[in-house]
Amino acid sequence: MHRRLVVGALVTAVIVVGCSPSDSGITTAVKAKLVKDDVVKDRTIDVDTNDRVVTLTGTVQGPIEESRALELARRTRGVAAVVDHISVESGEPGAMSTAGIDSAPAAAIGGAISDTVITSDVKARLLADDQVSGLKIDVNTYDHVVTLSGTVPDAAQKSRAVELARKVDNVTRIEDNLLVRESPMPSER
C-alpha cells in the first residue's frame, strides 16, 4: 500500500512538471499575444523568460501600450512574474513609463496638466491593474473632471476603477457612469 502511494505521488509530480509550460513556451505564448493584440501590435518589444519570470524590453508609443503589454504577459499561463524594461517614446505629451506609476506625476510641458494626459494616466492605471477590466471602461476628461463609463462585472471592479482614477494627479472630480452587469436569474440561464 505504501509503495502505491509513493509511486502515485511520483507520477503526479512528473505529470505536473511535464505539463507546466517551459520558458521557451512561455516566451512564444507572450509573443503571440503581443502580435495579435490591437493595442500593442508587437511594437519593438522583446520577450525573455527565465524560471517563468518574463522580462519585456523595447519601445512603445505611449503608456497605454506599455500597460497592455504588461497585462498580456501577466495573464499568460505559466508566468510567475513580469519585469518591465519597456521605454515609452516621448512623441506624445505626457508619455512616460508606468513603472512606479503611483510615484510619478502625469505632467505635460511646463508643468501644466492637460485633460489628454489625465485621460491617458487613468487609462494606463486601469489597464495595468489586474483587478479591473480596463479595456471595457471608457475614460473621458474635460476640465480635469474624469468621466468613467462602460459596463463592469461587479461592484468591486466599479469601486476599484473609481479609486484608481482618484489617484491621478490634478483630477478635480470623478463622474462615475459605470454600470454593473447584473447576473442573469437562475431561470434565465
C-alpha atoms as a PDB file:
ATOM      1  CA  MET A   1       0.000   0.000   0.000  1.00  0.00           C
ATOM      2  CA  HIS A   2       2.798   2.400   0.943  1.00  0.00           C
ATOM      3  CA  ARG A   3       4.610   1.678  -2.328  1.00  0.00           C
ATOM      4  CA  ARG A   4       1.485   2.527  -4.348  1.00  0.00           C
ATOM      5  CA  LEU A   5       1.203   5.898  -2.593  1.00  0.00           C
ATOM      6  CA  VAL A   6       4.848   6.724  -3.309  1.00  0.00           C
ATOM      7  CA  VAL A   7       4.538   5.689  -6.957  1.00  0.00           C
ATOM      8  CA  GLY A   8       1.278   7.650  -7.279  1.00  0.00           C
ATOM      9  CA  ALA A   9       2.905  10.766  -5.811  1.00  0.00           C
ATOM     10  CA  LEU A  10       5.885  10.445  -8.158  1.00  0.00           C
ATOM     11  CA  VAL A  11       3.656  10.017 -11.207  1.00  0.00           C
ATOM     12  CA  THR A  12       1.618  13.071 -10.190  1.00  0.00           C
ATOM     13  CA  ALA A  13       4.798  15.144  -9.726  1.00  0.00           C
ATOM     14  CA  VAL A  14       6.128  14.104 -13.150  1.00  0.00           C
ATOM     15  CA  ILE A  15       2.825  14.983 -14.812  1.00  0.00           C
ATOM     16  CA  VAL A  16       2.640  18.399 -13.119  1.00  0.00           C
ATOM     17  CA  VAL A  17       6.244  19.257 -14.010  1.00  0.00           C
ATOM     18  CA  GLY A  18       5.879  17.877 -17.524  1.00  0.00           C
ATOM     19  CA  CYS A  19       2.675  19.808 -18.190  1.00  0.00           C
ATOM     20  CA  SER A  20       3.869  23.152 -16.863  1.00  0.00           C
ATOM     21  CA  PRO A  21       4.952  25.496 -19.626  1.00  0.00           C
ATOM     22  CA  SER A  22       8.666  25.754 -20.360  1.00  0.00           C
ATOM     23  CA  ASP A  23      10.421  29.111 -20.502  1.00  0.00           C
ATOM     24  CA  SER A  24      10.563  28.915 -24.302  1.00  0.00           C
ATOM     25  CA  GLY A  25       6.865  28.006 -24.411  1.00  0.00           C
ATOM     26  CA  ILE A  26       6.008  30.975 -22.207  1.00  0.00           C
ATOM     27  CA  THR A  27       8.107  33.301 -24.397  1.00  0.00           C
ATOM     28  CA  THR A  28       6.324  32.039 -27.503  1.00  0.00           C
ATOM     29  CA  ALA A  29       2.891  32.443 -25.896  1.00  0.00           C
ATOM     30  CA  VAL A  30       3.615  36.030 -24.778  1.00  0.00           C
ATOM     31  CA  LYS A  31       4.996  36.984 -28.212  1.00  0.00           C
ATOM     32  CA  ALA A  32       1.911  35.513 -29.894  1.00  0.00           C
ATOM     33  CA  LYS A  33      -0.378  37.568 -27.645  1.00  0.00           C
ATOM     34  CA  LEU A  34       1.589  40.748 -28.380  1.00  0.00           C
ATOM     35  CA  VAL A  35       1.444  40.175 -32.148  1.00  0.00           C
ATOM     36  CA  LYS A  36      -2.330  39.559 -32.114  1.00  0.00           C
ATOM     37  CA  ASP A  37      -3.224  42.451 -29.807  1.00  0.00           C
ATOM     38  CA  ASP A  38      -4.693  45.575 -31.445  1.00  0.00           C
ATOM     39  CA  VAL A  39      -3.267  47.941 -28.816  1.00  0.00           C
ATOM     40  CA  VAL A  40       0.330  46.696 -28.744  1.00  0.00           C
ATOM     41  CA  LYS A  41       0.730  45.307 -32.287  1.00  0.00           C
ATOM     42  CA  ASP A  42       4.088  43.865 -31.175  1.00  0.00           C
ATOM     43  CA  ARG A  43       5.906  47.172 -31.456  1.00  0.00           C
ATOM     44  CA  THR A  44       9.552  46.596 -30.684  1.00  0.00           C
ATOM     45  CA  ILE A  45       9.032  44.517 -27.581  1.00  0.00           C
ATOM     46  CA  ASP A  46      11.478  41.717 -26.846  1.00  0.00           C
ATOM     47  CA  VAL A  47      10.378  38.879 -24.594  1.00  0.00           C
ATOM     48  CA  ASP A  48      12.794  36.836 -22.484  1.00  0.00           C
ATOM     49  CA  THR A  49      11.807  34.210 -19.925  1.00  0.00           C
ATOM     50  CA  ASN A  50      13.961  32.725 -17.181  1.00  0.00           C
ATOM     51  CA  ASP A  51      12.465  30.495 -14.475  1.00  0.00           C
ATOM     52  CA  ARG A  52       8.955  31.621 -15.516  1.00  0.00           C
ATOM     53  CA  VAL A  53       9.903  35.310 -14.998  1.00  0.00           C
ATOM     54  CA  VAL A  54       9.158  37.261 -18.187  1.00  0.00           C
ATOM     55  CA  THR A  55      11.235  40.348 -18.978  1.00  0.00           C
ATOM     56  CA  LEU A  56       9.821  42.787 -21.533  1.00  0.00           C
ATOM     57  CA  THR A  57      12.209  45.248 -23.182  1.00  0.00           C
ATOM     58  CA  GLY A  58      11.799  47.617 -26.093  1.00  0.00           C
ATOM     59  CA  THR A  59       9.966  50.780 -27.034  1.00  0.00           C
ATOM     60  CA  VAL A  60       6.276  51.637 -27.343  1.00  0.00           C
ATOM     61  CA  GLN A  61       4.400  54.796 -28.357  1.00  0.00           C
ATOM     62  CA  GLY A  62       2.609  55.507 -25.076  1.00  0.00           C
ATOM     63  CA  PRO A  63       1.774  54.339 -21.560  1.00  0.00           C
ATOM     64  CA  ILE A  64      -1.402  52.562 -22.664  1.00  0.00           C
ATOM     65  CA  GLU A  65       0.605  50.285 -24.962  1.00  0.00           C
ATOM     66  CA  GLU A  66       3.099  49.644 -22.175  1.00  0.00           C
ATOM     67  CA  SER A  67       0.351  48.756 -19.707  1.00  0.00           C
ATOM     68  CA  ARG A  68      -1.355  46.474 -22.202  1.00  0.00           C
ATOM     69  CA  ALA A  69       1.899  44.610 -22.980  1.00  0.00           C
ATOM     70  CA  LEU A  70       2.482  44.064 -19.259  1.00  0.00           C
ATOM     71  CA  GLU A  71      -1.105  42.890 -18.769  1.00  0.00           C
ATOM     72  CA  LEU A  72      -0.848  40.403 -21.644  1.00  0.00           C
ATOM     73  CA  ALA A  73       2.383  38.968 -20.248  1.00  0.00           C
ATOM     74  CA  ARG A  74       0.986  38.694 -16.708  1.00  0.00           C
ATOM     75  CA  ARG A  75      -2.074  36.837 -17.926  1.00  0.00           C
ATOM     76  CA  THR A  76      -0.112  34.240 -19.848  1.00  0.00           C
ATOM     77  CA  ARG A  77      -0.283  30.699 -18.468  1.00  0.00           C
ATOM     78  CA  GLY A  78       2.822  29.747 -16.507  1.00  0.00           C
ATOM     79  CA  VAL A  79       4.126  33.276 -15.890  1.00  0.00           C
ATOM     80  CA  ALA A  80       5.264  33.779 -12.296  1.00  0.00           C
ATOM     81  CA  ALA A  81       6.280  37.454 -12.630  1.00  0.00           C
ATOM     82  CA  VAL A  82       6.854  40.185 -15.219  1.00  0.00           C
ATOM     83  CA  VAL A  83       9.793  42.588 -15.257  1.00  0.00           C
ATOM     84  CA  ASP A  84       9.136  45.909 -17.046  1.00  0.00           C
ATOM     85  CA  HIS A  85      12.066  47.294 -19.042  1.00  0.00           C
ATOM     86  CA  ILE A  86       9.839  48.947 -21.668  1.00  0.00           C
ATOM     87  CA  SER A  87      10.611  52.516 -22.713  1.00  0.00           C
ATOM     88  CA  VAL A  88       7.894  54.921 -23.782  1.00  0.00           C
ATOM     89  CA  GLU A  89       8.725  57.234 -26.694  1.00  0.00           C
ATOM     90  CA  SER A  90       8.335  60.890 -25.824  1.00  0.00           C
ATOM     91  CA  GLY A  91       6.462  61.721 -29.021  1.00  0.00           C
ATOM     92  CA  GLU A  92       3.174  62.369 -27.244  1.00  0.00           C
ATOM     93  CA  PRO A  93       2.672  64.904 -24.446  1.00  0.00           C
ATOM     94  CA  GLY A  94       2.825  63.283 -21.045  1.00  0.00           C
ATOM     95  CA  ALA A  95       4.147  59.961 -22.337  1.00  0.00           C
ATOM     96  CA  MET A  96       6.063  58.272 -19.574  1.00  0.00           C
ATOM     97  CA  SER A  97       6.761  54.857 -18.214  1.00  0.00           C
ATOM     98  CA  THR A  98       4.045  53.451 -15.995  1.00  0.00           C
ATOM     99  CA  ALA A  99       6.651  51.588 -13.939  1.00  0.00           C
ATOM    100  CA  GLY A 100       6.262  53.049 -10.457  1.00  0.00           C
ATOM    101  CA  ILE A 101       3.152  54.867 -11.625  1.00  0.00           C
ATOM    102  CA  ASP A 102       1.993  55.759  -8.117  1.00  0.00           C
ATOM    103  CA  SER A 103       5.022  57.988  -7.551  1.00  0.00           C
ATOM    104  CA  ALA A 104       5.290  59.676 -10.976  1.00  0.00           C
ATOM    105  CA  PRO A 105       3.020  62.653 -11.738  1.00  0.00           C
ATOM    106  CA  ALA A 106       1.448  62.943 -15.159  1.00  0.00           C
ATOM    107  CA  ALA A 107       2.883  66.327 -16.117  1.00  0.00           C
ATOM    108  CA  ALA A 108       2.969  67.892 -19.559  1.00  0.00           C
ATOM    109  CA  ILE A 109       5.465  70.508 -20.776  1.00  0.00           C
ATOM    110  CA  GLY A 110       5.893  73.401 -18.347  1.00  0.00           C
ATOM    111  CA  GLY A 111       4.145  71.504 -15.547  1.00  0.00           C
ATOM    112  CA  ALA A 112       0.623  72.184 -16.882  1.00  0.00           C
ATOM    113  CA  ILE A 113      -1.670  69.163 -16.762  1.00  0.00           C
ATOM    114  CA  SER A 114      -3.839  68.601 -19.795  1.00  0.00           C
ATOM    115  CA  ASP A 115      -7.051  66.629 -19.960  1.00  0.00           C
ATOM    116  CA  THR A 116      -5.436  64.325 -22.517  1.00  0.00           C
ATOM    117  CA  VAL A 117      -2.627  63.468 -20.109  1.00  0.00           C
ATOM    118  CA  ILE A 118      -5.094  62.838 -17.288  1.00  0.00           C
ATOM    119  CA  THR A 119      -7.150  60.535 -19.531  1.00  0.00           C
ATOM    120  CA  SER A 120      -4.001  58.682 -20.582  1.00  0.00           C
ATOM    121  CA  ASP A 121      -2.855  58.253 -16.986  1.00  0.00           C
ATOM    122  CA  VAL A 122      -6.253  56.977 -15.814  1.00  0.00           C
ATOM    123  CA  LYS A 123      -6.480  54.537 -18.735  1.00  0.00           C
ATOM    124  CA  ALA A 124      -2.931  53.289 -18.097  1.00  0.00           C
ATOM    125  CA  ARG A 125      -3.767  52.633 -14.452  1.00  0.00           C
ATOM    126  CA  LEU A 126      -6.938  50.760 -15.394  1.00  0.00           C
ATOM    127  CA  LEU A 127      -5.091  48.615 -17.937  1.00  0.00           C
ATOM    128  CA  ALA A 128      -2.215  47.879 -15.561  1.00  0.00           C
ATOM    129  CA  ASP A 129      -4.477  46.837 -12.684  1.00  0.00           C
ATOM    130  CA  ASP A 130      -5.248  43.130 -12.580  1.00  0.00           C
ATOM    131  CA  GLN A 131      -8.463  43.653 -10.580  1.00  0.00           C
ATOM    132  CA  VAL A 132     -10.200  45.748 -13.260  1.00  0.00           C
ATOM    133  CA  SER A 133     -11.253  45.034 -16.848  1.00  0.00           C
ATOM    134  CA  GLY A 134      -9.641  48.242 -18.130  1.00  0.00           C
ATOM    135  CA  LEU A 135     -10.445  47.582 -21.782  1.00  0.00           C
ATOM    136  CA  LYS A 136     -14.185  47.758 -21.069  1.00  0.00           C
ATOM    137  CA  ILE A 137     -14.039  51.151 -19.353  1.00  0.00           C
ATOM    138  CA  ASP A 138     -14.205  54.392 -21.323  1.00  0.00           C
ATOM    139  CA  VAL A 139     -12.347  57.369 -19.869  1.00  0.00           C
ATOM    140  CA  ASN A 140     -13.060  60.966 -20.845  1.00  0.00           C
ATOM    141  CA  THR A 141     -11.684  64.099 -19.209  1.00  0.00           C
ATOM    142  CA  TYR A 142     -12.938  67.649 -19.532  1.00  0.00           C
ATOM    143  CA  ASP A 143     -11.601  70.484 -17.415  1.00  0.00           C
ATOM    144  CA  HIS A 144      -9.922  67.998 -15.027  1.00  0.00           C
ATOM    145  CA  VAL A 145     -13.200  66.101 -14.439  1.00  0.00           C
ATOM    146  CA  VAL A 146     -12.856  62.415 -15.312  1.00  0.00           C
ATOM    147  CA  THR A 147     -15.912  60.525 -16.560  1.00  0.00           C
ATOM    148  CA  LEU A 148     -15.826  56.730 -16.368  1.00  0.00           C
ATOM    149  CA  SER A 149     -18.394  54.838 -18.422  1.00  0.00           C
ATOM    150  CA  GLY A 150     -18.979  51.307 -19.598  1.00  0.00           C
ATOM    151  CA  THR A 151     -20.076  48.060 -18.010  1.00  0.00           C
ATOM    152  CA  VAL A 152     -18.183  46.125 -15.351  1.00  0.00           C
ATOM    153  CA  PRO A 153     -18.958  42.661 -13.991  1.00  0.00           C
ATOM    154  CA  ASP A 154     -19.318  43.616 -10.329  1.00  0.00           C
ATOM    155  CA  ALA A 155     -19.407  46.428  -7.769  1.00  0.00           C
ATOM    156  CA  ALA A 156     -15.839  45.668  -6.637  1.00  0.00           C
ATOM    157  CA  GLN A 157     -14.461  46.497 -10.103  1.00  0.00           C
ATOM    158  CA  LYS A 158     -16.573  49.642 -10.214  1.00  0.00           C
ATOM    159  CA  SER A 159     -15.175  50.816  -6.870  1.00  0.00           C
ATOM    160  CA  ARG A 160     -11.615  49.895  -7.858  1.00  0.00           C
ATOM    161  CA  ALA A 161     -11.870  51.836 -11.146  1.00  0.00           C
ATOM    162  CA  VAL A 162     -13.061  54.966  -9.331  1.00  0.00           C
ATOM    163  CA  GLU A 163     -10.302  54.540  -6.731  1.00  0.00           C
ATOM    164  CA  LEU A 164      -7.613  54.276  -9.438  1.00  0.00           C
ATOM    165  CA  ALA A 165      -8.934  57.367 -11.237  1.00  0.00           C
ATOM    166  CA  ARG A 166      -8.871  59.353  -7.977  1.00  0.00           C
ATOM    167  CA  LYS A 167      -5.139  58.615  -7.574  1.00  0.00           C
ATOM    168  CA  VAL A 168      -4.273  60.564 -10.739  1.00  0.00           C
ATOM    169  CA  ASP A 169      -2.795  63.993 -10.119  1.00  0.00           C
ATOM    170  CA  ASN A 170      -4.917  67.093 -10.810  1.00  0.00           C
ATOM    171  CA  VAL A 171      -8.250  65.291 -11.098  1.00  0.00           C
ATOM    172  CA  THR A 172     -10.847  67.573  -9.528  1.00  0.00           C
ATOM    173  CA  ARG A 173     -13.810  65.169  -9.672  1.00  0.00           C
ATOM    174  CA  ILE A 174     -14.837  61.713 -10.873  1.00  0.00           C
ATOM    175  CA  GLU A 175     -18.130  61.220 -12.705  1.00  0.00           C
ATOM    176  CA  ASP A 176     -18.955  57.544 -12.191  1.00  0.00           C
ATOM    177  CA  ASN A 177     -21.208  56.391 -15.023  1.00  0.00           C
ATOM    178  CA  LEU A 178     -20.117  52.755 -14.795  1.00  0.00           C
ATOM    179  CA  LEU A 179     -22.872  50.161 -14.899  1.00  0.00           C
ATOM    180  CA  VAL A 180     -22.653  46.858 -13.063  1.00  0.00           C
ATOM    181  CA  ARG A 181     -23.691  43.971 -15.296  1.00  0.00           C
ATOM    182  CA  GLU A 182     -26.392  42.111 -13.473  1.00  0.00           C
ATOM    183  CA  SER A 183     -26.107  38.340 -13.326  1.00  0.00           C
ATOM    184  CA  PRO A 184     -28.943  36.520 -15.065  1.00  0.00           C
ATOM    185  CA  MET A 185     -31.505  34.902 -12.806  1.00  0.00           C
ATOM    186  CA  PRO A 186     -31.095  31.084 -12.460  1.00  0.00           C
ATOM    187  CA  SER A 187     -34.208  30.581 -14.600  1.00  0.00           C
ATOM    188  CA  GLU A 188     -32.705  32.740 -17.400  1.00  0.00           C
ATOM    189  CA  ARG A 189     -29.507  30.660 -17.747  1.00  0.00           C
END
